[in-house]
Amino acid sequence: MVPRISPGWPTATAGLGCAASSSPPAPCREHTTGDRRLCLSRLPADAARLARVVRSHWAIENGLHWVLDVAMHQDRTRIRKDQAPDHLAVLHHIALDVLKQERTETLGIKNKRLVAGGDEAYVLRVLTASDI
């Protein structure tokens, strides 16, 4: 069990193996932003292992959440009541899976979604290409 951070900070940090800090590279920018990511972990202080863990986390972020945000505008949704956000997230995941399985068009997910919004024949191709 991970200890809760509370006013008793020394006891909360007793189970920590290490604290790590990383600065993401900015290959597309002319300047760095000064962003810094801090990680607390119960893992032993092994730099190579921590780097793999952090990279695998960001691979998920870049591979799924970023696509959902760009293609489905998930971060901009105004739906917040009751279970509606969870239900919409499930529909976004299903739509993403179906659009990824359709291979007749060489478009990105966002453009496939836009084409499907206006072309009934393409929607049928998308739906028949899926295993869902």
N, C-alpha and C. Protein backbone atom coordinates (compact mmCIF):
# COMPACT_ATOMS: atom_id res chain seq x y z
N MET A 1 0.83 -1.18 0.00
CA MET A 1 0.00 0.00 0.00
C MET A 1 0.88 1.25 0.00
N VAL A 2 0.55 2.19 -0.83
CA VAL A 2 1.31 3.43 -0.93
C VAL A 2 0.89 4.35 0.21
N PRO A 3 1.85 4.88 0.98
CA PRO A 3 1.47 5.76 2.08
C PRO A 3 0.86 7.06 1.57
N ARG A 4 -0.09 7.60 2.30
CA ARG A 4 -0.72 8.87 1.92
C ARG A 4 0.19 10.02 2.32
N ILE A 5 0.25 11.02 1.47
CA ILE A 5 1.01 12.21 1.80
C ILE A 5 0.15 13.04 2.74
N SER A 6 0.67 13.34 3.88
CA SER A 6 -0.09 14.05 4.90
C SER A 6 0.85 14.98 5.66
N PRO A 7 0.32 15.65 6.68
CA PRO A 7 1.21 16.51 7.48
C PRO A 7 2.38 15.72 8.07
N GLY A 8 2.24 14.42 8.24
CA GLY A 8 3.34 13.61 8.75
C GLY A 8 4.23 13.13 7.62
N TRP A 9 4.76 14.06 6.85
CA TRP A 9 5.54 13.75 5.65
C TRP A 9 6.65 12.72 5.88
N PRO A 10 7.44 12.78 6.97
CA PRO A 10 8.50 11.79 7.13
C PRO A 10 7.98 10.36 7.18
N THR A 11 6.83 10.12 7.79
CA THR A 11 6.31 8.76 7.81
C THR A 11 5.71 8.38 6.47
N ALA A 12 5.22 9.35 5.72
CA ALA A 12 4.64 9.07 4.41
C ALA A 12 5.71 8.66 3.42
N THR A 13 6.93 9.16 3.60
CA THR A 13 8.00 8.85 2.65
C THR A 13 8.83 7.65 3.08
N ALA A 14 8.47 7.00 4.17
CA ALA A 14 9.27 5.90 4.68
C ALA A 14 9.38 4.75 3.68
N GLY A 15 8.34 4.48 2.88
CA GLY A 15 8.37 3.36 1.96
C GLY A 15 8.95 3.68 0.60
N LEU A 16 9.39 4.92 0.38
CA LEU A 16 9.91 5.31 -0.92
C LEU A 16 11.31 4.74 -1.14
N GLY A 17 11.53 4.26 -2.36
CA GLY A 17 12.86 3.79 -2.72
C GLY A 17 13.69 4.90 -3.32
N CYS A 18 13.03 5.82 -4.03
CA CYS A 18 13.78 6.90 -4.67
C CYS A 18 12.85 8.00 -5.13
N ALA A 19 13.43 9.12 -5.44
CA ALA A 19 12.75 10.22 -6.09
C ALA A 19 13.58 10.56 -7.33
N ALA A 20 12.93 10.72 -8.46
CA ALA A 20 13.66 10.97 -9.71
C ALA A 20 13.10 12.21 -10.39
N SER A 21 13.92 12.82 -11.19
CA SER A 21 13.54 14.01 -11.91
C SER A 21 14.01 13.87 -13.34
N SER A 22 13.19 14.32 -14.29
CA SER A 22 13.61 14.26 -15.69
C SER A 22 13.12 15.51 -16.40
N SER A 23 13.86 15.91 -17.40
CA SER A 23 13.47 17.03 -18.25
C SER A 23 13.23 16.49 -19.64
N PRO A 24 12.00 16.61 -20.16
CA PRO A 24 11.72 16.07 -21.49
C PRO A 24 12.46 16.86 -22.56
N PRO A 25 12.94 16.17 -23.59
CA PRO A 25 13.58 16.89 -24.69
C PRO A 25 12.56 17.67 -25.49
N ALA A 26 12.99 18.69 -26.16
CA ALA A 26 12.11 19.50 -26.99
C ALA A 26 12.64 19.51 -28.41
N PRO A 27 12.54 18.39 -29.16
CA PRO A 27 13.16 18.30 -30.48
C PRO A 27 12.51 19.20 -31.52
N CYS A 28 11.24 19.56 -31.35
CA CYS A 28 10.54 20.35 -32.35
C CYS A 28 10.54 21.84 -32.03
N ARG A 29 11.10 22.18 -30.88
CA ARG A 29 11.05 23.57 -30.46
C ARG A 29 12.43 24.20 -30.58
N GLU A 30 12.43 25.50 -30.77
CA GLU A 30 13.70 26.22 -30.83
C GLU A 30 14.24 26.50 -29.43
N HIS A 31 13.39 26.43 -28.44
CA HIS A 31 13.84 26.70 -27.07
C HIS A 31 13.24 25.65 -26.15
N THR A 32 13.86 25.47 -25.01
CA THR A 32 13.31 24.54 -24.04
C THR A 32 12.32 25.27 -23.15
N THR A 33 11.39 24.54 -22.58
CA THR A 33 10.33 25.15 -21.78
C THR A 33 10.66 25.16 -20.30
N GLY A 34 11.64 24.41 -19.89
CA GLY A 34 11.95 24.32 -18.48
C GLY A 34 11.04 23.36 -17.74
N ASP A 35 10.27 22.55 -18.48
CA ASP A 35 9.41 21.56 -17.83
C ASP A 35 10.27 20.57 -17.07
N ARG A 36 9.76 20.14 -15.95
CA ARG A 36 10.47 19.16 -15.15
C ARG A 36 9.44 18.19 -14.60
N ARG A 37 9.71 16.91 -14.72
CA ARG A 37 8.80 15.89 -14.21
C ARG A 37 9.43 15.25 -12.99
N LEU A 38 8.67 15.15 -11.93
CA LEU A 38 9.15 14.54 -10.70
C LEU A 38 8.41 13.23 -10.48
N CYS A 39 9.14 12.20 -10.11
CA CYS A 39 8.55 10.89 -9.89
C CYS A 39 8.97 10.38 -8.53
N LEU A 40 8.02 9.89 -7.77
CA LEU A 40 8.30 9.22 -6.52
C LEU A 40 8.00 7.75 -6.74
N SER A 41 8.87 6.88 -6.26
CA SER A 41 8.69 5.47 -6.53
C SER A 41 9.12 4.64 -5.34
N ARG A 42 8.52 3.47 -5.25
CA ARG A 42 8.93 2.50 -4.24
C ARG A 42 9.99 1.57 -4.82
N LEU A 43 10.29 1.72 -6.12
CA LEU A 43 11.33 0.91 -6.75
C LEU A 43 12.70 1.32 -6.21
N PRO A 44 13.65 0.39 -6.24
CA PRO A 44 15.01 0.77 -5.84
C PRO A 44 15.57 1.81 -6.82
N ALA A 45 16.53 2.57 -6.36
CA ALA A 45 17.11 3.65 -7.17
C ALA A 45 18.01 3.06 -8.26
N ASP A 46 17.40 2.61 -9.35
CA ASP A 46 18.12 2.08 -10.51
C ASP A 46 17.72 2.93 -11.71
N ALA A 47 18.63 3.77 -12.19
CA ALA A 47 18.31 4.75 -13.23
C ALA A 47 17.78 4.10 -14.50
N ALA A 48 18.39 3.00 -14.94
CA ALA A 48 17.95 2.36 -16.19
C ALA A 48 16.52 1.83 -16.05
N ARG A 49 16.21 1.21 -14.92
CA ARG A 49 14.87 0.67 -14.72
C ARG A 49 13.84 1.79 -14.62
N LEU A 50 14.17 2.85 -13.87
CA LEU A 50 13.24 3.98 -13.75
C LEU A 50 13.00 4.64 -15.10
N ALA A 51 14.05 4.74 -15.92
CA ALA A 51 13.89 5.32 -17.26
C ALA A 51 12.92 4.49 -18.09
N ARG A 52 13.02 3.15 -18.01
CA ARG A 52 12.10 2.28 -18.76
C ARG A 52 10.66 2.46 -18.27
N VAL A 53 10.48 2.55 -16.97
CA VAL A 53 9.14 2.72 -16.40
C VAL A 53 8.53 4.03 -16.86
N VAL A 54 9.30 5.12 -16.79
CA VAL A 54 8.80 6.43 -17.20
C VAL A 54 8.50 6.44 -18.69
N ARG A 55 9.39 5.85 -19.51
CA ARG A 55 9.15 5.81 -20.96
C ARG A 55 7.91 4.99 -21.30
N SER A 56 7.69 3.89 -20.59
CA SER A 56 6.51 3.07 -20.89
C SER A 56 5.24 3.83 -20.52
N HIS A 57 5.29 4.60 -19.44
CA HIS A 57 4.12 5.41 -19.08
C HIS A 57 3.83 6.43 -20.17
N TRP A 58 4.87 7.11 -20.66
CA TRP A 58 4.65 8.14 -21.67
C TRP A 58 4.32 7.53 -23.02
N ALA A 59 4.71 6.28 -23.27
CA ALA A 59 4.31 5.61 -24.51
C ALA A 59 2.80 5.42 -24.52
N ILE A 60 2.23 5.08 -23.37
CA ILE A 60 0.77 4.96 -23.26
C ILE A 60 0.13 6.31 -23.48
N GLU A 61 0.66 7.32 -22.82
CA GLU A 61 0.13 8.68 -22.96
C GLU A 61 0.15 9.12 -24.42
N ASN A 62 1.27 8.92 -25.09
CA ASN A 62 1.40 9.36 -26.48
C ASN A 62 0.60 8.49 -27.43
N GLY A 63 0.48 7.21 -27.15
CA GLY A 63 -0.17 6.30 -28.07
C GLY A 63 -1.68 6.26 -27.96
N LEU A 64 -2.22 6.58 -26.81
CA LEU A 64 -3.66 6.48 -26.64
C LEU A 64 -4.29 7.82 -26.26
N HIS A 65 -3.88 8.36 -25.15
CA HIS A 65 -4.53 9.57 -24.66
C HIS A 65 -4.34 10.75 -25.60
N TRP A 66 -3.16 10.87 -26.18
CA TRP A 66 -2.93 11.97 -27.11
C TRP A 66 -3.82 11.84 -28.33
N VAL A 67 -3.95 10.60 -28.85
CA VAL A 67 -4.81 10.37 -30.02
C VAL A 67 -6.26 10.67 -29.67
N LEU A 68 -6.70 10.24 -28.50
CA LEU A 68 -8.08 10.53 -28.09
C LEU A 68 -8.31 12.03 -27.96
N ASP A 69 -7.32 12.74 -27.48
CA ASP A 69 -7.48 14.19 -27.34
C ASP A 69 -7.51 14.88 -28.69
N VAL A 70 -6.60 14.50 -29.59
CA VAL A 70 -6.51 15.16 -30.89
C VAL A 70 -7.66 14.74 -31.80
N ALA A 71 -7.93 13.44 -31.88
CA ALA A 71 -8.94 12.95 -32.83
C ALA A 71 -10.37 13.12 -32.33
N MET A 72 -10.57 12.94 -31.04
CA MET A 72 -11.93 12.97 -30.50
C MET A 72 -12.18 14.20 -29.63
N HIS A 73 -11.19 15.04 -29.47
CA HIS A 73 -11.30 16.24 -28.62
C HIS A 73 -11.77 15.89 -27.22
N GLN A 74 -11.24 14.80 -26.68
CA GLN A 74 -11.72 14.30 -25.40
C GLN A 74 -11.46 15.29 -24.25
N ASP A 75 -10.36 16.01 -24.30
CA ASP A 75 -10.07 16.96 -23.22
C ASP A 75 -10.97 18.19 -23.27
N ARG A 76 -11.59 18.45 -24.41
CA ARG A 76 -12.45 19.63 -24.55
C ARG A 76 -13.91 19.34 -24.26
N THR A 77 -14.25 18.11 -23.99
CA THR A 77 -15.66 17.78 -23.78
C THR A 77 -16.20 18.49 -22.54
N ARG A 78 -17.44 18.88 -22.61
CA ARG A 78 -18.08 19.58 -21.50
C ARG A 78 -19.02 18.66 -20.73
N ILE A 79 -18.98 17.38 -21.07
CA ILE A 79 -19.85 16.41 -20.40
C ILE A 79 -19.20 16.02 -19.07
N ARG A 80 -19.90 16.32 -17.98
CA ARG A 80 -19.32 16.07 -16.67
C ARG A 80 -20.31 15.46 -15.66
N LYS A 81 -21.54 15.28 -16.04
CA LYS A 81 -22.56 14.86 -15.08
C LYS A 81 -22.67 13.34 -14.98
N ASP A 82 -22.74 12.85 -13.76
CA ASP A 82 -22.98 11.44 -13.44
C ASP A 82 -21.97 10.54 -14.15
N GLN A 83 -22.47 9.52 -14.83
CA GLN A 83 -21.60 8.55 -15.50
C GLN A 83 -21.35 8.88 -16.96
N ALA A 84 -21.88 9.99 -17.43
CA ALA A 84 -21.75 10.35 -18.84
C ALA A 84 -20.30 10.45 -19.31
N PRO A 85 -19.36 11.02 -18.54
CA PRO A 85 -17.97 11.06 -19.01
C PRO A 85 -17.38 9.67 -19.22
N ASP A 86 -17.71 8.74 -18.32
CA ASP A 86 -17.21 7.37 -18.46
C ASP A 86 -17.80 6.69 -19.69
N HIS A 87 -19.09 6.90 -19.91
CA HIS A 87 -19.74 6.29 -21.07
C HIS A 87 -19.19 6.86 -22.37
N LEU A 88 -18.98 8.18 -22.40
CA LEU A 88 -18.42 8.79 -23.60
C LEU A 88 -16.99 8.30 -23.85
N ALA A 89 -16.22 8.11 -22.79
CA ALA A 89 -14.85 7.60 -22.94
C ALA A 89 -14.87 6.20 -23.56
N VAL A 90 -15.81 5.36 -23.14
CA VAL A 90 -15.93 4.02 -23.73
C VAL A 90 -16.26 4.12 -25.21
N LEU A 91 -17.19 5.02 -25.57
CA LEU A 91 -17.53 5.19 -26.98
C LEU A 91 -16.34 5.71 -27.78
N HIS A 92 -15.56 6.61 -27.20
CA HIS A 92 -14.35 7.10 -27.89
C HIS A 92 -13.36 5.98 -28.12
N HIS A 93 -13.17 5.11 -27.14
CA HIS A 93 -12.25 3.98 -27.29
C HIS A 93 -12.73 3.02 -28.37
N ILE A 94 -14.03 2.76 -28.40
CA ILE A 94 -14.58 1.87 -29.44
C ILE A 94 -14.39 2.50 -30.82
N ALA A 95 -14.71 3.78 -30.95
CA ALA A 95 -14.53 4.47 -32.23
C ALA A 95 -13.07 4.46 -32.66
N LEU A 96 -12.16 4.68 -31.73
CA LEU A 96 -10.73 4.65 -32.04
C LEU A 96 -10.31 3.27 -32.54
N ASP A 97 -10.75 2.22 -31.85
CA ASP A 97 -10.41 0.86 -32.27
C ASP A 97 -10.95 0.55 -33.67
N VAL A 98 -12.19 0.94 -33.92
CA VAL A 98 -12.81 0.67 -35.23
C VAL A 98 -12.08 1.44 -36.33
N LEU A 99 -11.75 2.69 -36.07
CA LEU A 99 -11.05 3.49 -37.09
C LEU A 99 -9.63 2.98 -37.33
N LYS A 100 -8.98 2.45 -36.32
CA LYS A 100 -7.63 1.89 -36.50
C LYS A 100 -7.67 0.63 -37.36
N GLN A 101 -8.76 -0.15 -37.27
CA GLN A 101 -8.85 -1.40 -38.02
C GLN A 101 -9.18 -1.18 -39.49
N GLU A 102 -9.74 -0.05 -39.83
CA GLU A 102 -10.08 0.24 -41.22
C GLU A 102 -8.81 0.66 -41.96
N ARG A 103 -8.47 -0.09 -43.02
CA ARG A 103 -7.19 0.14 -43.69
C ARG A 103 -7.31 0.51 -45.17
N THR A 104 -8.53 0.79 -45.66
CA THR A 104 -8.65 1.14 -47.07
C THR A 104 -8.23 2.58 -47.34
N GLU A 105 -8.31 3.43 -46.34
CA GLU A 105 -7.88 4.83 -46.48
C GLU A 105 -6.56 5.02 -45.73
N THR A 106 -5.66 5.76 -46.33
CA THR A 106 -4.38 6.04 -45.66
C THR A 106 -4.45 7.42 -45.01
N LEU A 107 -5.39 7.55 -44.10
CA LEU A 107 -5.59 8.80 -43.38
C LEU A 107 -5.31 8.58 -41.91
N GLY A 108 -5.07 9.66 -41.21
CA GLY A 108 -4.95 9.58 -39.76
C GLY A 108 -6.32 9.38 -39.13
N ILE A 109 -6.31 9.07 -37.85
CA ILE A 109 -7.56 8.81 -37.13
C ILE A 109 -8.49 10.02 -37.18
N LYS A 110 -7.96 11.20 -36.97
CA LYS A 110 -8.80 12.40 -36.99
C LYS A 110 -9.48 12.57 -38.34
N ASN A 111 -8.73 12.41 -39.42
CA ASN A 111 -9.31 12.57 -40.76
C ASN A 111 -10.27 11.44 -41.10
N LYS A 112 -9.98 10.23 -40.63
CA LYS A 112 -10.93 9.13 -40.84
C LYS A 112 -12.26 9.45 -40.16
N ARG A 113 -12.19 10.00 -38.95
CA ARG A 113 -13.40 10.36 -38.22
C ARG A 113 -14.18 11.43 -38.98
N LEU A 114 -13.46 12.41 -39.52
CA LEU A 114 -14.14 13.48 -40.27
C LEU A 114 -14.78 12.96 -41.56
N VAL A 115 -14.07 12.07 -42.27
CA VAL A 115 -14.64 11.48 -43.50
C VAL A 115 -15.86 10.65 -43.15
N ALA A 116 -15.80 9.88 -42.06
CA ALA A 116 -16.94 9.05 -41.66
C ALA A 116 -18.15 9.90 -41.31
N GLY A 117 -17.93 11.12 -40.88
CA GLY A 117 -19.04 12.01 -40.54
C GLY A 117 -19.83 12.47 -41.75
N GLY A 118 -19.24 12.38 -42.95
CA GLY A 118 -19.94 12.88 -44.12
C GLY A 118 -20.11 11.88 -45.25
N ASP A 119 -19.62 10.67 -45.08
CA ASP A 119 -19.66 9.69 -46.17
C ASP A 119 -20.23 8.37 -45.63
N GLU A 120 -21.49 8.10 -45.98
CA GLU A 120 -22.17 6.91 -45.45
C GLU A 120 -21.50 5.62 -45.93
N ALA A 121 -21.01 5.61 -47.16
CA ALA A 121 -20.34 4.42 -47.68
C ALA A 121 -19.06 4.13 -46.88
N TYR A 122 -18.35 5.19 -46.51
CA TYR A 122 -17.13 5.00 -45.72
C TYR A 122 -17.47 4.48 -44.31
N VAL A 123 -18.56 4.97 -43.72
CA VAL A 123 -18.98 4.49 -42.41
C VAL A 123 -19.24 2.98 -42.48
N LEU A 124 -19.90 2.52 -43.54
CA LEU A 124 -20.16 1.09 -43.69
C LEU A 124 -18.86 0.31 -43.83
N ARG A 125 -17.89 0.86 -44.57
CA ARG A 125 -16.57 0.20 -44.69
C ARG A 125 -15.90 0.11 -43.33
N VAL A 126 -15.97 1.19 -42.56
CA VAL A 126 -15.35 1.21 -41.23
C VAL A 126 -15.99 0.16 -40.33
N LEU A 127 -17.31 0.12 -40.34
CA LEU A 127 -18.02 -0.81 -39.45
C LEU A 127 -17.86 -2.27 -39.86
N THR A 128 -17.75 -2.55 -41.16
CA THR A 128 -17.58 -3.93 -41.61
C THR A 128 -16.13 -4.39 -41.51
N ALA A 129 -15.19 -3.46 -41.39
CA ALA A 129 -13.78 -3.84 -41.27
C ALA A 129 -13.43 -4.24 -39.85
N SER A 130 -14.29 -3.95 -38.88
CA SER A 130 -13.94 -4.17 -37.48
C SER A 130 -14.33 -5.57 -37.02
N ASP A 131 -13.63 -6.01 -35.99
CA ASP A 131 -13.92 -7.29 -35.36
C ASP A 131 -14.77 -7.11 -34.11
N ILE A 132 -15.17 -5.88 -33.86
CA ILE A 132 -15.92 -5.60 -32.62
C ILE A 132 -17.38 -5.97 -32.80
